[in-house]
């Protein structure tokens, strides 16, 4: 049996997710953004918002070890958060979580996935680029994505290195 699987989060999973997010944010201690570790911005996705959709990567005991949180926008599903506990990283769980979000988005008629992330951190924009996302120019941002970007500015995220990204979802022929 495969040691990990991806599934929609259950209500009982939700209290466990902040610990995964906090553990994953510890990786930022090795970057120019170490000051964000332990800040309110490190756990801005919680508590769970009612219109957000959450998937978890679970281990063989069905315990969550990773998460993806998405929220609907006008024509896209926005990946609000993606975290894998460092004890379970480098096993393809992030890629599998994104695939689950993309499959759901496509099944619901969304045309794209979007996200915001740090441009210069290897497990951020360069990683998402390898998974088919592309950086958007400011004039390409739809209104709802502009609002998310503005909210990040208001929460004090360092915007000089932030980027909005988009991955088109293509119907299989």
N, C-alpha and C. Protein backbone atom coordinates (compact mmCIF):
# COMPACT_ATOMS: atom_id res chain seq x y z
N UNK A 1 0.84 -1.20 0.00
CA UNK A 1 0.00 0.00 0.00
C UNK A 1 0.88 1.25 0.00
N UNK A 2 0.47 2.23 -0.79
CA UNK A 2 1.21 3.49 -0.86
C UNK A 2 1.16 4.19 0.50
N UNK A 3 2.30 4.72 0.98
CA UNK A 3 2.30 5.30 2.33
C UNK A 3 1.54 6.63 2.43
N UNK A 4 1.32 7.31 1.32
CA UNK A 4 0.62 8.60 1.35
C UNK A 4 -0.53 8.59 0.35
N UNK A 5 -1.55 9.33 0.70
CA UNK A 5 -2.63 9.56 -0.26
C UNK A 5 -3.17 10.96 -0.04
N UNK A 6 -3.87 11.46 -1.05
CA UNK A 6 -4.46 12.80 -1.01
C UNK A 6 -5.97 12.61 -0.92
N UNK A 7 -6.59 13.39 -0.04
CA UNK A 7 -8.04 13.33 0.10
C UNK A 7 -8.56 14.69 0.56
N UNK A 8 -9.87 14.94 0.37
CA UNK A 8 -10.44 16.16 0.93
C UNK A 8 -10.30 16.15 2.45
N UNK A 9 -10.06 17.31 3.01
CA UNK A 9 -9.96 17.41 4.47
C UNK A 9 -11.32 17.15 5.10
N UNK A 10 -11.26 16.58 6.27
CA UNK A 10 -12.45 16.36 7.09
C UNK A 10 -12.44 17.39 8.22
N UNK A 11 -13.59 17.61 8.80
CA UNK A 11 -13.70 18.57 9.89
C UNK A 11 -12.70 18.26 11.00
N UNK A 12 -12.52 16.99 11.30
CA UNK A 12 -11.59 16.59 12.37
C UNK A 12 -10.13 16.90 12.02
N UNK A 13 -9.82 17.07 10.73
CA UNK A 13 -8.45 17.39 10.31
C UNK A 13 -8.09 18.85 10.58
N UNK A 14 -9.08 19.73 10.52
CA UNK A 14 -8.80 21.17 10.53
C UNK A 14 -7.97 21.66 11.71
N UNK A 15 -8.21 21.18 12.95
CA UNK A 15 -7.38 21.65 14.06
C UNK A 15 -5.91 21.22 13.94
N UNK A 16 -5.61 20.22 13.13
CA UNK A 16 -4.25 19.71 12.98
C UNK A 16 -3.44 20.49 11.94
N UNK A 17 -4.11 21.23 11.08
CA UNK A 17 -3.43 21.86 9.96
C UNK A 17 -2.52 23.03 10.33
N UNK A 18 -2.86 23.86 11.31
CA UNK A 18 -1.92 24.94 11.65
C UNK A 18 -0.53 24.44 12.05
N UNK A 19 -0.46 23.29 12.71
CA UNK A 19 0.86 22.77 13.11
C UNK A 19 1.69 22.40 11.87
N UNK A 20 1.04 21.89 10.84
CA UNK A 20 1.75 21.58 9.59
C UNK A 20 2.25 22.87 8.96
N UNK A 21 1.39 23.87 8.93
CA UNK A 21 1.76 25.16 8.34
C UNK A 21 2.93 25.80 9.10
N UNK A 22 2.86 25.75 10.43
CA UNK A 22 3.95 26.33 11.23
C UNK A 22 5.27 25.58 10.99
N UNK A 23 5.21 24.26 10.96
CA UNK A 23 6.43 23.47 10.72
C UNK A 23 7.02 23.79 9.35
N UNK A 24 6.16 23.87 8.34
CA UNK A 24 6.64 24.18 6.99
C UNK A 24 7.21 25.59 6.93
N UNK A 25 6.64 26.52 7.68
CA UNK A 25 7.14 27.90 7.64
C UNK A 25 8.54 28.02 8.23
N UNK A 26 8.96 27.04 9.02
CA UNK A 26 10.31 27.07 9.59
C UNK A 26 11.38 27.09 8.50
N UNK A 27 11.07 26.57 7.32
CA UNK A 27 12.02 26.60 6.21
C UNK A 27 12.41 28.03 5.83
N UNK A 28 11.53 28.98 6.13
CA UNK A 28 11.81 30.38 5.80
C UNK A 28 12.92 30.96 6.67
N UNK A 29 13.27 30.29 7.77
CA UNK A 29 14.37 30.77 8.62
C UNK A 29 15.68 30.82 7.85
N UNK A 30 15.79 30.04 6.77
CA UNK A 30 17.01 29.99 5.96
C UNK A 30 16.98 30.99 4.80
N UNK A 31 16.00 31.89 4.79
CA UNK A 31 15.84 32.84 3.69
C UNK A 31 15.91 34.27 4.20
N UNK A 32 15.79 35.20 3.27
CA UNK A 32 15.73 36.62 3.63
C UNK A 32 14.43 36.95 4.36
N UNK A 33 13.51 36.01 4.42
CA UNK A 33 12.21 36.27 5.04
C UNK A 33 12.06 35.55 6.38
N UNK A 34 13.17 35.32 7.06
CA UNK A 34 13.15 34.65 8.36
C UNK A 34 12.25 35.39 9.35
N UNK A 35 12.14 36.70 9.21
CA UNK A 35 11.31 37.49 10.12
C UNK A 35 9.83 37.13 10.04
N UNK A 36 9.41 36.44 8.98
CA UNK A 36 8.01 36.05 8.86
C UNK A 36 7.67 34.80 9.68
N UNK A 37 8.68 34.03 10.04
CA UNK A 37 8.44 32.81 10.80
C UNK A 37 7.90 33.18 12.17
N UNK A 38 6.77 32.58 12.50
CA UNK A 38 6.15 32.87 13.79
C UNK A 38 5.26 34.10 13.79
N UNK A 39 5.20 34.83 12.67
CA UNK A 39 4.33 36.00 12.62
C UNK A 39 2.91 35.57 12.31
N UNK A 40 1.99 36.49 12.45
CA UNK A 40 0.60 36.20 12.11
C UNK A 40 0.46 35.82 10.65
N UNK A 41 1.33 36.37 9.79
CA UNK A 41 1.26 36.05 8.36
C UNK A 41 1.58 34.59 8.10
N UNK A 42 2.33 33.96 8.98
CA UNK A 42 2.68 32.55 8.78
C UNK A 42 1.49 31.64 8.94
N UNK A 43 0.44 32.12 9.62
CA UNK A 43 -0.76 31.29 9.79
C UNK A 43 -2.01 32.05 9.35
N UNK A 44 -1.87 32.85 8.32
CA UNK A 44 -2.99 33.68 7.89
C UNK A 44 -4.16 32.90 7.30
N UNK A 45 -3.97 31.65 6.92
CA UNK A 45 -5.05 30.87 6.32
C UNK A 45 -6.02 30.32 7.35
N UNK A 46 -5.67 30.37 8.60
CA UNK A 46 -6.49 29.76 9.63
C UNK A 46 -7.05 30.84 10.53
N UNK A 47 -8.24 30.73 11.09
CA UNK A 47 -9.07 29.54 11.00
C UNK A 47 -9.62 29.34 9.59
N UNK A 48 -10.05 28.13 9.34
CA UNK A 48 -10.56 27.74 8.02
C UNK A 48 -11.75 28.63 7.64
N UNK A 49 -11.72 29.17 6.44
CA UNK A 49 -12.81 30.01 5.95
C UNK A 49 -13.87 29.12 5.30
N UNK A 50 -15.15 29.45 5.46
CA UNK A 50 -16.20 28.57 4.97
C UNK A 50 -16.19 28.34 3.45
N UNK A 51 -15.74 29.31 2.66
CA UNK A 51 -15.75 29.11 1.20
C UNK A 51 -14.44 28.51 0.69
N UNK A 52 -13.51 28.23 1.57
CA UNK A 52 -12.25 27.62 1.15
C UNK A 52 -12.42 26.11 1.03
N UNK A 53 -11.64 25.53 0.14
CA UNK A 53 -11.63 24.09 -0.08
C UNK A 53 -10.28 23.58 0.38
N UNK A 54 -10.27 22.48 1.10
CA UNK A 54 -9.02 21.99 1.67
C UNK A 54 -8.82 20.52 1.36
N UNK A 55 -7.61 20.20 0.93
CA UNK A 55 -7.18 18.83 0.71
C UNK A 55 -6.02 18.55 1.66
N UNK A 56 -5.87 17.30 2.04
CA UNK A 56 -4.74 16.92 2.87
C UNK A 56 -4.00 15.75 2.24
N UNK A 57 -2.70 15.73 2.46
CA UNK A 57 -1.89 14.56 2.20
C UNK A 57 -1.84 13.84 3.53
N UNK A 58 -2.16 12.56 3.54
CA UNK A 58 -2.17 11.80 4.79
C UNK A 58 -1.19 10.63 4.69
N UNK A 59 -0.67 10.26 5.85
CA UNK A 59 0.26 9.12 5.90
C UNK A 59 -0.53 7.82 6.01
N UNK A 60 0.16 6.72 6.23
CA UNK A 60 -0.47 5.40 6.28
C UNK A 60 -1.48 5.26 7.42
N UNK A 61 -1.38 6.13 8.44
CA UNK A 61 -2.33 6.09 9.56
C UNK A 61 -3.49 7.07 9.37
N UNK A 62 -3.54 7.71 8.20
CA UNK A 62 -4.56 8.70 7.85
C UNK A 62 -4.37 10.03 8.60
N UNK A 63 -3.17 10.27 9.10
CA UNK A 63 -2.87 11.54 9.77
C UNK A 63 -2.38 12.55 8.74
N UNK A 64 -2.92 13.78 8.75
CA UNK A 64 -2.48 14.79 7.80
C UNK A 64 -1.00 15.16 7.98
N UNK A 65 -0.29 15.23 6.85
CA UNK A 65 1.12 15.64 6.85
C UNK A 65 1.37 16.76 5.85
N UNK A 66 0.35 17.12 5.09
CA UNK A 66 0.44 18.21 4.11
C UNK A 66 -0.96 18.73 3.83
N UNK A 67 -1.02 19.91 3.25
CA UNK A 67 -2.32 20.52 2.99
C UNK A 67 -2.26 21.43 1.78
N UNK A 68 -3.40 21.56 1.14
CA UNK A 68 -3.61 22.55 0.09
C UNK A 68 -4.95 23.20 0.37
N UNK A 69 -4.95 24.52 0.41
CA UNK A 69 -6.18 25.27 0.63
C UNK A 69 -6.40 26.15 -0.59
N UNK A 70 -7.60 26.07 -1.16
CA UNK A 70 -7.93 26.86 -2.34
C UNK A 70 -9.23 27.60 -2.10
N UNK A 71 -9.37 28.69 -2.83
CA UNK A 71 -10.62 29.44 -2.75
C UNK A 71 -11.06 29.84 -4.14
N UNK A 72 -12.36 29.83 -4.36
CA UNK A 72 -12.87 30.17 -5.68
C UNK A 72 -12.73 31.66 -5.97
N UNK A 73 -12.28 31.95 -7.18
CA UNK A 73 -12.32 33.30 -7.72
C UNK A 73 -13.27 33.25 -8.92
N UNK A 74 -13.34 34.32 -9.67
CA UNK A 74 -14.31 34.38 -10.78
C UNK A 74 -14.14 33.23 -11.77
N UNK A 75 -12.94 33.06 -12.32
CA UNK A 75 -12.72 32.02 -13.32
C UNK A 75 -11.61 31.06 -12.95
N UNK A 76 -11.08 31.22 -11.76
CA UNK A 76 -9.97 30.36 -11.36
C UNK A 76 -10.18 29.90 -9.92
N UNK A 77 -9.43 28.87 -9.59
CA UNK A 77 -9.36 28.43 -8.20
C UNK A 77 -8.01 28.90 -7.71
N UNK A 78 -8.00 29.66 -6.62
CA UNK A 78 -6.78 30.27 -6.11
C UNK A 78 -6.17 29.40 -5.02
N UNK A 79 -4.95 28.96 -5.24
CA UNK A 79 -4.23 28.17 -4.25
C UNK A 79 -3.75 29.12 -3.16
N UNK A 80 -4.46 29.13 -2.08
CA UNK A 80 -4.19 30.06 -0.98
C UNK A 80 -2.98 29.61 -0.15
N UNK A 81 -2.85 28.29 0.00
CA UNK A 81 -1.80 27.76 0.86
C UNK A 81 -1.44 26.36 0.40
N UNK A 82 -0.16 26.06 0.43
CA UNK A 82 0.34 24.71 0.15
C UNK A 82 1.47 24.46 1.12
N UNK A 83 1.32 23.45 1.96
CA UNK A 83 2.35 23.13 2.95
C UNK A 83 2.49 21.63 3.10
N UNK A 84 3.72 21.19 3.26
CA UNK A 84 4.01 19.80 3.60
C UNK A 84 4.94 19.84 4.80
N UNK A 85 4.61 19.06 5.81
CA UNK A 85 5.47 19.01 7.00
C UNK A 85 6.87 18.59 6.56
N UNK A 86 7.92 19.27 7.06
CA UNK A 86 9.29 18.94 6.64
C UNK A 86 9.67 17.47 6.84
N UNK A 87 9.08 16.79 7.80
CA UNK A 87 9.38 15.36 8.00
C UNK A 87 8.86 14.50 6.84
N UNK A 88 8.04 15.07 5.99
CA UNK A 88 7.44 14.33 4.88
C UNK A 88 7.70 15.00 3.53
N UNK A 89 8.63 15.94 3.51
CA UNK A 89 8.89 16.68 2.27
C UNK A 89 9.74 15.86 1.31
N UNK A 90 9.83 16.37 0.09
CA UNK A 90 10.65 15.78 -0.98
C UNK A 90 10.17 14.38 -1.35
N UNK A 91 8.85 14.20 -1.28
CA UNK A 91 8.24 12.92 -1.67
C UNK A 91 7.14 13.12 -2.70
N UNK A 92 7.09 14.32 -3.28
CA UNK A 92 6.09 14.60 -4.31
C UNK A 92 4.72 14.96 -3.79
N UNK A 93 4.60 15.20 -2.48
CA UNK A 93 3.29 15.48 -1.91
C UNK A 93 2.75 16.84 -2.34
N UNK A 94 3.61 17.85 -2.45
CA UNK A 94 3.16 19.15 -2.94
C UNK A 94 2.60 19.05 -4.34
N UNK A 95 3.33 18.37 -5.21
CA UNK A 95 2.89 18.16 -6.59
C UNK A 95 1.56 17.41 -6.62
N UNK A 96 1.42 16.39 -5.79
CA UNK A 96 0.18 15.61 -5.76
C UNK A 96 -0.99 16.43 -5.20
N UNK A 97 -0.71 17.27 -4.21
CA UNK A 97 -1.77 18.15 -3.70
C UNK A 97 -2.24 19.12 -4.78
N UNK A 98 -1.29 19.71 -5.51
CA UNK A 98 -1.66 20.63 -6.59
C UNK A 98 -2.45 19.89 -7.66
N UNK A 99 -2.06 18.67 -7.97
CA UNK A 99 -2.80 17.88 -8.96
C UNK A 99 -4.24 17.65 -8.51
N UNK A 100 -4.45 17.39 -7.23
CA UNK A 100 -5.80 17.19 -6.71
C UNK A 100 -6.62 18.47 -6.83
N UNK A 101 -6.01 19.61 -6.51
CA UNK A 101 -6.69 20.90 -6.64
C UNK A 101 -7.03 21.15 -8.11
N UNK A 102 -6.08 20.89 -9.00
CA UNK A 102 -6.30 21.11 -10.43
C UNK A 102 -7.42 20.21 -10.96
N UNK A 103 -7.41 18.95 -10.55
CA UNK A 103 -8.47 18.03 -10.99
C UNK A 103 -9.84 18.52 -10.55
N UNK A 104 -9.93 18.95 -9.30
CA UNK A 104 -11.19 19.47 -8.80
C UNK A 104 -11.59 20.73 -9.58
N UNK A 105 -10.65 21.65 -9.75
CA UNK A 105 -10.95 22.91 -10.44
C UNK A 105 -11.46 22.63 -11.85
N UNK A 106 -10.80 21.75 -12.54
CA UNK A 106 -11.20 21.41 -13.91
C UNK A 106 -12.60 20.79 -13.92
N UNK A 107 -12.87 19.92 -12.96
CA UNK A 107 -14.19 19.27 -12.90
C UNK A 107 -15.31 20.26 -12.62
N UNK A 108 -14.96 21.38 -12.00
CA UNK A 108 -15.95 22.41 -11.66
C UNK A 108 -16.02 23.52 -12.71
N UNK A 109 -15.25 23.39 -13.78
CA UNK A 109 -15.32 24.36 -14.87
C UNK A 109 -14.41 25.57 -14.74
N UNK A 110 -13.51 25.57 -13.76
CA UNK A 110 -12.55 26.66 -13.65
C UNK A 110 -11.55 26.56 -14.80
N UNK A 111 -11.08 27.69 -15.28
CA UNK A 111 -10.15 27.69 -16.41
C UNK A 111 -8.69 27.72 -15.98
N UNK A 112 -8.44 27.99 -14.70
CA UNK A 112 -7.04 28.11 -14.26
C UNK A 112 -6.92 27.95 -12.76
N UNK A 113 -5.68 27.69 -12.34
CA UNK A 113 -5.28 27.81 -10.94
C UNK A 113 -4.44 29.06 -10.85
N UNK A 114 -4.56 29.79 -9.74
CA UNK A 114 -3.72 30.95 -9.50
C UNK A 114 -3.12 30.83 -8.11
N UNK A 115 -2.07 31.61 -7.87
CA UNK A 115 -1.45 31.67 -6.55
C UNK A 115 -0.57 32.91 -6.49
N UNK A 116 -0.16 33.26 -5.29
CA UNK A 116 0.86 34.28 -5.08
C UNK A 116 1.97 33.63 -4.27
N UNK A 117 3.20 34.04 -4.53
CA UNK A 117 4.33 33.40 -3.88
C UNK A 117 5.56 34.28 -3.98
N UNK A 118 6.66 33.83 -3.38
CA UNK A 118 7.93 34.54 -3.47
C UNK A 118 8.66 34.12 -4.75
N UNK A 119 9.12 35.11 -5.48
CA UNK A 119 9.79 34.90 -6.75
C UNK A 119 11.14 34.19 -6.59
N UNK A 120 11.91 34.53 -5.56
CA UNK A 120 13.31 34.10 -5.50
C UNK A 120 13.57 32.86 -4.63
N UNK A 121 12.56 32.32 -3.99
CA UNK A 121 12.78 31.15 -3.13
C UNK A 121 12.55 29.89 -3.96
N UNK A 122 13.51 28.98 -3.94
CA UNK A 122 13.49 27.83 -4.85
C UNK A 122 12.24 26.97 -4.72
N UNK A 123 11.69 26.83 -3.53
CA UNK A 123 10.50 26.00 -3.38
C UNK A 123 9.23 26.82 -3.55
N UNK A 124 9.36 28.04 -4.04
CA UNK A 124 8.21 28.89 -4.34
C UNK A 124 8.10 29.04 -5.86
N UNK A 125 8.28 30.24 -6.40
CA UNK A 125 8.04 30.47 -7.84
C UNK A 125 8.78 29.50 -8.76
N UNK A 126 10.07 29.23 -8.55
CA UNK A 126 10.73 28.28 -9.45
C UNK A 126 10.06 26.89 -9.43
N UNK A 127 9.63 26.45 -8.27
CA UNK A 127 8.93 25.16 -8.15
C UNK A 127 7.62 25.19 -8.93
N UNK A 128 6.83 26.25 -8.72
CA UNK A 128 5.55 26.34 -9.41
C UNK A 128 5.73 26.47 -10.92
N UNK A 129 6.80 27.12 -11.35
CA UNK A 129 7.08 27.21 -12.78
C UNK A 129 7.29 25.81 -13.35
N UNK A 130 8.01 24.98 -12.64
CA UNK A 130 8.22 23.59 -13.09
C UNK A 130 6.91 22.81 -13.18
N UNK A 131 5.91 23.24 -12.42
CA UNK A 131 4.60 22.57 -12.43
C UNK A 131 3.61 23.21 -13.40
N UNK A 132 4.11 24.11 -14.26
CA UNK A 132 3.26 24.68 -15.31
C UNK A 132 2.65 26.03 -15.02
N UNK A 133 2.99 26.66 -13.91
CA UNK A 133 2.50 28.01 -13.63
C UNK A 133 3.40 29.02 -14.33
N UNK A 134 2.84 30.16 -14.67
CA UNK A 134 3.65 31.25 -15.24
C UNK A 134 3.36 32.53 -14.45
N UNK A 135 4.39 33.35 -14.34
CA UNK A 135 4.25 34.63 -13.64
C UNK A 135 3.38 35.56 -14.46
N UNK A 136 2.52 36.29 -13.78
CA UNK A 136 1.65 37.27 -14.43
C UNK A 136 2.22 38.66 -14.25
N UNK A 137 2.10 39.46 -15.28
CA UNK A 137 2.43 40.87 -15.17
C UNK A 137 1.29 41.57 -14.45
N UNK A 138 1.57 42.70 -13.84
CA UNK A 138 0.56 43.44 -13.08
C UNK A 138 -0.67 43.73 -13.92
N UNK A 139 -0.48 44.09 -15.19
CA UNK A 139 -1.63 44.43 -16.04
C UNK A 139 -2.44 43.20 -16.47
N UNK A 140 -1.97 42.00 -16.16
CA UNK A 140 -2.71 40.78 -16.47
C UNK A 140 -3.60 40.32 -15.31
N UNK A 141 -3.47 40.96 -14.15
CA UNK A 141 -4.18 40.48 -12.97
C UNK A 141 -5.66 40.83 -13.04
N UNK A 142 -6.53 39.81 -12.94
CA UNK A 142 -7.96 40.12 -12.85
C UNK A 142 -8.24 40.79 -11.51
N UNK A 143 -9.38 41.42 -11.41
CA UNK A 143 -9.74 42.20 -10.22
C UNK A 143 -9.63 41.39 -8.94
N UNK A 144 -10.12 40.15 -8.95
CA UNK A 144 -10.09 39.36 -7.73
C UNK A 144 -8.66 39.01 -7.30
N UNK A 145 -7.77 38.78 -8.25
CA UNK A 145 -6.37 38.50 -7.92
C UNK A 145 -5.66 39.78 -7.48
N UNK A 146 -6.04 40.92 -8.05
CA UNK A 146 -5.50 42.20 -7.59
C UNK A 146 -5.87 42.42 -6.13
N UNK A 147 -7.08 42.05 -5.74
CA UNK A 147 -7.52 42.22 -4.34
C UNK A 147 -6.69 41.35 -3.40
N UNK A 148 -6.38 40.13 -3.81
CA UNK A 148 -5.54 39.26 -2.98
C UNK A 148 -4.15 39.86 -2.84
N UNK A 149 -3.60 40.31 -3.93
CA UNK A 149 -2.27 40.94 -3.93
C UNK A 149 -2.27 42.17 -3.00
N UNK A 150 -3.31 42.98 -3.09
CA UNK A 150 -3.42 44.17 -2.24
C UNK A 150 -3.53 43.78 -0.77
N UNK A 151 -4.26 42.72 -0.47
CA UNK A 151 -4.38 42.24 0.90
C UNK A 151 -3.02 41.82 1.45
N UNK A 152 -2.19 41.20 0.62
CA UNK A 152 -0.85 40.81 1.06
C UNK A 152 0.00 42.04 1.38
N UNK A 153 -0.15 43.08 0.60
CA UNK A 153 0.55 44.34 0.87
C UNK A 153 0.11 44.87 2.24
N UNK A 154 -1.20 44.87 2.47
CA UNK A 154 -1.75 45.38 3.73
C UNK A 154 -1.31 44.54 4.93
N UNK A 155 -1.03 43.26 4.71
CA UNK A 155 -0.56 42.40 5.79
C UNK A 155 0.96 42.46 5.96
N UNK A 156 1.61 43.31 5.19
CA UNK A 156 3.04 43.54 5.39
C UNK A 156 3.97 42.56 4.70
N UNK A 157 3.47 41.75 3.79
CA UNK A 157 4.38 40.87 3.07
C UNK A 157 5.29 41.70 2.16
N UNK A 158 6.55 41.34 2.05
CA UNK A 158 7.50 42.11 1.23
C UNK A 158 7.18 41.93 -0.26
N UNK A 159 6.57 42.94 -0.84
CA UNK A 159 6.02 42.81 -2.18
C UNK A 159 7.05 42.89 -3.29
N UNK A 160 8.26 43.34 -3.02
CA UNK A 160 9.26 43.41 -4.07
C UNK A 160 9.60 42.05 -4.65
N UNK A 161 9.38 40.99 -3.89
CA UNK A 161 9.72 39.65 -4.34
C UNK A 161 8.47 38.77 -4.52
N UNK A 162 7.29 39.34 -4.40
CA UNK A 162 6.05 38.57 -4.57
C UNK A 162 5.66 38.54 -6.03
N UNK A 163 5.04 37.45 -6.42
CA UNK A 163 4.60 37.30 -7.80
C UNK A 163 3.27 36.55 -7.80
N UNK A 164 2.39 36.95 -8.71
CA UNK A 164 1.15 36.23 -8.95
C UNK A 164 1.41 35.28 -10.12
N UNK A 165 0.92 34.06 -9.99
CA UNK A 165 1.16 33.05 -11.02
C UNK A 165 -0.16 32.39 -11.41
N UNK A 166 -0.17 31.84 -12.62
CA UNK A 166 -1.37 31.21 -13.17
C UNK A 166 -0.98 29.96 -13.95
N UNK A 167 -1.79 28.93 -13.80
CA UNK A 167 -1.64 27.70 -14.59
C UNK A 167 -2.96 27.42 -15.27
N UNK A 168 -2.93 27.41 -16.59
CA UNK A 168 -4.15 27.13 -17.36
C UNK A 168 -4.54 25.67 -17.17
N UNK A 169 -5.84 25.43 -17.13
CA UNK A 169 -6.37 24.08 -17.05
C UNK A 169 -6.96 23.74 -18.40
N UNK A 170 -6.46 22.72 -19.02
CA UNK A 170 -6.85 22.37 -20.37
C UNK A 170 -7.66 21.08 -20.33
N UNK A 171 -8.79 21.11 -20.99
CA UNK A 171 -9.62 19.90 -21.10
C UNK A 171 -8.88 18.84 -21.91
N UNK A 172 -8.94 17.61 -21.44
CA UNK A 172 -8.40 16.50 -22.22
C UNK A 172 -9.32 16.22 -23.40
N UNK A 173 -8.72 15.94 -24.54
CA UNK A 173 -9.53 15.68 -25.75
C UNK A 173 -10.08 14.27 -25.74
